[in-house]
């Protein structure tokens, strides 16, 4: 968010929330770092009012921790919490694929097929557009929308966002094979074969789970009594 605006409170809270969240996911604000309303308001050219509301939303999403008398800071997910994210993904992505097979429209199918073709093409050419959302992100968003469940789509969007913040993924493991798996999911969705779509999505999630590595391993507490 650029521009001064003299702290204009008319800036939508969701825009401020998205900007702060994007900074957290990108690592501009590392885990454990303090977040003050004043510095965030200056960075995004708004007043403290939308920043305060945005921090409350981000707290509810798990990106921010707010402690009385200490203020807000970027959350520090534990290994257990990080593992939970992947476990939820393993449950929800196959569900979304199965529902998409039952509820998808022809428009959804055209977009999914186009994304698979684009992903295969870019992977073969090792090509990418700087600053653009990767086709994988578009694919998952479209598949979730095709499920016909706005609630499920919102949960999956938030879940993927947190996974991309907490984990880094080995691209060598995920790239070319992933688009073959996405193609299998789309084939099942096209045939309206819910069980086949579920199995294909579950297989993809299981294969790529091992490619996830924690971006910020939890800090180890110093031993009591100091060094000896």
Protein backbone atom coordinates (compact mmCIF):
# COMPACT_ATOMS: atom_id res chain seq x y z
CA UNK A 1 0.00 0.00 0.00
CA UNK A 2 1.62 3.20 -1.16
CA UNK A 3 0.68 6.78 -0.80
CA UNK A 4 0.36 9.00 2.20
CA UNK A 5 -3.31 9.67 2.61
CA UNK A 6 -2.55 11.50 5.90
CA UNK A 7 -3.65 8.45 7.87
CA UNK A 8 -6.96 8.16 6.03
CA UNK A 9 -9.26 5.91 8.09
CA UNK A 10 -11.36 5.31 4.95
CA UNK A 11 -8.82 2.75 3.76
CA UNK A 12 -10.61 -0.62 4.12
CA UNK A 13 -9.41 -2.66 7.06
CA UNK A 14 -9.20 -5.74 4.82
CA UNK A 15 -6.65 -3.95 2.61
CA UNK A 16 -4.48 -3.08 5.61
CA UNK A 17 -4.91 -6.61 6.95
CA UNK A 18 -3.86 -8.12 3.62
CA UNK A 19 -0.81 -5.85 3.38
CA UNK A 20 0.41 -6.71 6.89
CA UNK A 21 -0.30 -10.41 6.34
CA UNK A 22 1.63 -10.36 3.06
CA UNK A 23 4.59 -8.77 4.85
CA UNK A 24 4.49 -11.48 7.52
CA UNK A 25 4.28 -14.31 4.98
CA UNK A 26 7.11 -12.75 2.95
CA UNK A 27 9.30 -12.59 6.07
CA UNK A 28 9.45 -8.78 6.32
CA UNK A 29 8.23 -9.21 9.90
CA UNK A 30 9.95 -12.37 11.23
CA UNK A 31 8.34 -14.63 13.86
CA UNK A 32 8.53 -13.06 17.31
CA UNK A 33 9.12 -9.52 16.03
CA UNK A 34 7.12 -6.75 17.63
CA UNK A 35 4.36 -5.02 15.67
CA UNK A 36 3.48 -1.50 16.75
CA UNK A 37 0.47 0.41 15.49
CA UNK A 38 2.60 3.49 14.91
CA UNK A 39 5.21 1.81 12.69
CA UNK A 40 2.60 -0.15 10.73
CA UNK A 41 0.51 2.97 10.18
CA UNK A 42 3.57 4.80 8.83
CA UNK A 43 4.54 1.90 6.58
CA UNK A 44 1.11 1.63 4.99
CA UNK A 45 0.15 5.30 4.98
CA UNK A 46 -2.95 4.94 7.16
CA UNK A 47 -4.11 5.89 10.61
CA UNK A 48 -3.79 3.60 13.62
CA UNK A 49 -7.52 2.75 13.54
CA UNK A 50 -7.48 0.29 10.58
CA UNK A 51 -4.14 -1.08 11.79
CA UNK A 52 -5.64 -1.88 15.19
CA UNK A 53 -8.57 -3.69 13.55
CA UNK A 54 -6.25 -5.52 11.17
CA UNK A 55 -4.12 -6.79 14.06
CA UNK A 56 -7.23 -8.20 15.73
CA UNK A 57 -8.12 -10.06 12.53
CA UNK A 58 -4.58 -11.36 12.14
CA UNK A 59 -4.63 -12.54 15.74
CA UNK A 60 -7.78 -14.55 15.03
CA UNK A 61 -6.04 -16.05 11.97
CA UNK A 62 -3.00 -17.09 14.00
CA UNK A 63 -0.46 -14.76 12.38
CA UNK A 64 -0.22 -12.37 15.33
CA UNK A 65 -0.03 -12.79 19.09
CA UNK A 66 -1.32 -10.01 21.34
CA UNK A 67 -0.34 -10.02 25.02
CA UNK A 68 -1.54 -7.63 27.65
CA UNK A 69 1.08 -5.00 28.48
CA UNK A 70 3.40 -6.43 25.78
CA UNK A 71 1.44 -5.53 22.67
CA UNK A 72 1.37 -7.35 19.35
CA UNK A 73 4.07 -9.52 17.82
CA UNK A 74 4.33 -11.99 14.95
CA UNK A 75 3.28 -15.45 16.09
CA UNK A 76 5.84 -18.24 16.50
CA UNK A 77 4.12 -21.51 15.55
CA UNK A 78 5.38 -24.57 17.39
CA UNK A 79 6.37 -27.76 15.57
CA UNK A 80 3.11 -29.30 16.77
CA UNK A 81 1.08 -26.40 15.34
CA UNK A 82 3.00 -26.61 12.05
CA UNK A 83 2.31 -30.35 11.80
CA UNK A 84 -1.38 -29.65 12.40
CA UNK A 85 -1.46 -27.44 9.30
CA UNK A 86 -0.27 -30.28 7.07
CA UNK A 87 -2.68 -32.71 8.72
CA UNK A 88 -5.62 -30.38 8.08
CA UNK A 89 -4.49 -29.99 4.48
CA UNK A 90 -4.45 -33.77 4.11
CA UNK A 91 -8.08 -33.88 5.25
CA UNK A 92 -9.52 -30.85 3.45
CA UNK A 93 -7.91 -30.86 0.00
CA UNK A 94 -9.26 -34.34 -0.87
CA UNK A 95 -12.67 -33.22 0.41
CA UNK A 96 -12.58 -30.17 -1.86
CA UNK A 97 -11.58 -32.32 -4.85
CA UNK A 98 -14.42 -34.78 -4.22
CA UNK A 99 -16.96 -31.98 -3.91
CA UNK A 100 -15.61 -30.31 -7.05
CA UNK A 101 -16.24 -33.54 -8.95
CA UNK A 102 -19.89 -33.37 -7.94
CA UNK A 103 -20.46 -29.62 -8.22
CA UNK A 104 -18.05 -28.15 -10.77
CA UNK A 105 -19.28 -26.15 -13.73
CA UNK A 106 -17.95 -26.22 -17.27
CA UNK A 107 -16.33 -22.85 -16.59
CA UNK A 108 -14.44 -24.30 -13.63
CA UNK A 109 -13.33 -27.23 -15.75
CA UNK A 110 -12.03 -24.99 -18.54
CA UNK A 111 -9.97 -22.95 -16.07
CA UNK A 112 -8.58 -26.06 -14.33
CA UNK A 113 -7.55 -27.62 -17.65
CA UNK A 114 -5.98 -24.36 -18.78
CA UNK A 115 -3.98 -24.09 -15.55
CA UNK A 116 -2.70 -27.65 -15.86
CA UNK A 117 -1.57 -26.91 -19.43
CA UNK A 118 0.08 -23.65 -18.29
CA UNK A 119 1.79 -25.35 -15.35
CA UNK A 120 3.19 -28.12 -17.52
CA UNK A 121 4.39 -25.58 -20.08
CA UNK A 122 6.12 -23.38 -17.50
CA UNK A 123 7.68 -26.36 -15.76
CA UNK A 124 9.08 -27.71 -19.04
CA UNK A 125 10.46 -24.26 -19.90
CA UNK A 126 11.47 -23.53 -16.28
CA UNK A 127 9.73 -20.23 -16.79
CA UNK A 128 7.94 -17.93 -14.41
CA UNK A 129 6.55 -14.42 -14.29
CA UNK A 130 8.18 -12.37 -11.50
CA UNK A 131 5.62 -11.04 -9.03
CA UNK A 132 2.77 -13.12 -10.48
CA UNK A 133 0.85 -15.71 -8.49
CA UNK A 134 2.11 -19.20 -9.45
CA UNK A 135 -0.29 -21.45 -11.42
CA UNK A 136 -0.36 -23.83 -8.43
CA UNK A 137 -2.04 -21.13 -6.35
CA UNK A 138 -4.61 -20.43 -9.06
CA UNK A 139 -5.24 -24.16 -9.45
CA UNK A 140 -5.97 -24.71 -5.76
CA UNK A 141 -8.14 -21.59 -5.56
CA UNK A 142 -10.19 -22.70 -8.58
CA UNK A 143 -10.55 -26.26 -7.30
CA UNK A 144 -11.78 -24.94 -3.95
CA UNK A 145 -14.26 -22.64 -5.69
CA UNK A 146 -15.47 -25.56 -7.80
CA UNK A 147 -16.34 -27.41 -4.58
CA UNK A 148 -19.41 -25.17 -4.33
CA UNK A 149 -18.67 -24.51 -0.66
CA UNK A 150 -17.61 -20.91 0.07
CA UNK A 151 -16.84 -21.85 3.69
CA UNK A 152 -14.52 -24.66 2.64
CA UNK A 153 -12.85 -22.42 0.05
CA UNK A 154 -12.18 -19.73 2.69
CA UNK A 155 -10.71 -22.25 5.13
CA UNK A 156 -8.46 -23.72 2.44
CA UNK A 157 -7.28 -20.29 1.32
CA UNK A 158 -6.32 -19.39 4.88
CA UNK A 159 -4.70 -22.78 5.42
CA UNK A 160 -2.54 -22.54 2.29
CA UNK A 161 -1.54 -19.03 3.27
CA UNK A 162 -0.33 -20.22 6.67
CA UNK A 163 1.47 -23.23 5.19
CA UNK A 164 3.37 -20.96 2.78
CA UNK A 165 4.37 -18.82 5.78
CA UNK A 166 5.45 -21.65 8.05
CA UNK A 167 7.03 -23.95 5.45
CA UNK A 168 9.28 -23.82 2.45
CA UNK A 169 8.83 -26.51 -0.22
CA UNK A 170 11.52 -28.37 -2.12
CA UNK A 171 10.76 -27.31 -5.71
CA UNK A 172 12.54 -30.31 -7.17
CA UNK A 173 10.12 -32.61 -5.37
CA UNK A 174 7.01 -30.58 -6.09
CA UNK A 175 7.28 -29.32 -9.68
CA UNK A 176 6.88 -31.61 -12.69
CA UNK A 177 5.27 -34.56 -10.89
CA UNK A 178 2.75 -32.22 -9.25
CA UNK A 179 1.29 -31.15 -12.59
CA UNK A 180 0.81 -34.78 -13.58
CA UNK A 181 -1.06 -35.28 -10.31
CA UNK A 182 -3.10 -32.11 -10.86
CA UNK A 183 -3.97 -33.43 -14.30
CA UNK A 184 -5.24 -36.67 -12.74
CA UNK A 185 -7.38 -34.67 -10.32
CA UNK A 186 -8.88 -32.66 -13.19
CA UNK A 187 -9.58 -35.83 -15.18
CA UNK A 188 -11.52 -37.23 -12.22
CA UNK A 189 -13.36 -33.93 -11.72
CA UNK A 190 -14.26 -33.88 -15.43
CA UNK A 191 -15.71 -37.42 -15.13
CA UNK A 192 -17.58 -36.37 -11.97
CA UNK A 193 -15.86 -39.27 -10.19
CA UNK A 194 -15.75 -37.98 -6.62
CA UNK A 195 -13.93 -40.96 -5.11
CA UNK A 196 -11.26 -40.94 -7.79
CA UNK A 197 -10.78 -37.18 -7.33
CA UNK A 198 -10.47 -37.68 -3.58
CA UNK A 199 -7.84 -40.40 -4.00
CA UNK A 200 -5.85 -38.37 -6.53
CA UNK A 201 -5.81 -35.32 -4.25
CA UNK A 202 -4.91 -37.42 -1.21
CA UNK A 203 -2.03 -39.01 -3.11
CA UNK A 204 -0.69 -35.61 -4.12
CA UNK A 205 -0.87 -34.28 -0.56
CA UNK A 206 0.83 -37.39 0.83
CA UNK A 207 3.66 -37.24 -1.70
CA UNK A 208 4.42 -33.56 -1.21
CA UNK A 209 4.13 -33.56 2.59
CA UNK A 210 7.73 -34.72 2.91
CA UNK A 211 8.94 -31.79 0.79
CA UNK A 212 7.88 -29.26 3.43
CA UNK A 213 10.59 -27.81 5.67
CA UNK A 214 10.05 -25.34 8.51
CA UNK A 215 11.16 -21.85 7.52
CA UNK A 216 11.83 -20.84 11.12
CA UNK A 217 12.55 -23.82 13.40
CA UNK A 218 11.38 -23.10 16.96
CA UNK A 219 14.06 -21.49 19.09
CA UNK A 220 15.66 -23.77 21.65
CA UNK A 221 15.58 -22.48 25.18
CA UNK A 222 19.00 -21.83 26.70
CA UNK A 223 19.96 -24.36 29.42
CA UNK A 224 19.62 -23.18 32.97
CA UNK A 225 22.74 -22.11 34.77
CA UNK A 226 24.48 -20.86 31.61
CA UNK A 227 27.37 -22.39 29.76
CA UNK A 228 29.82 -24.59 31.63
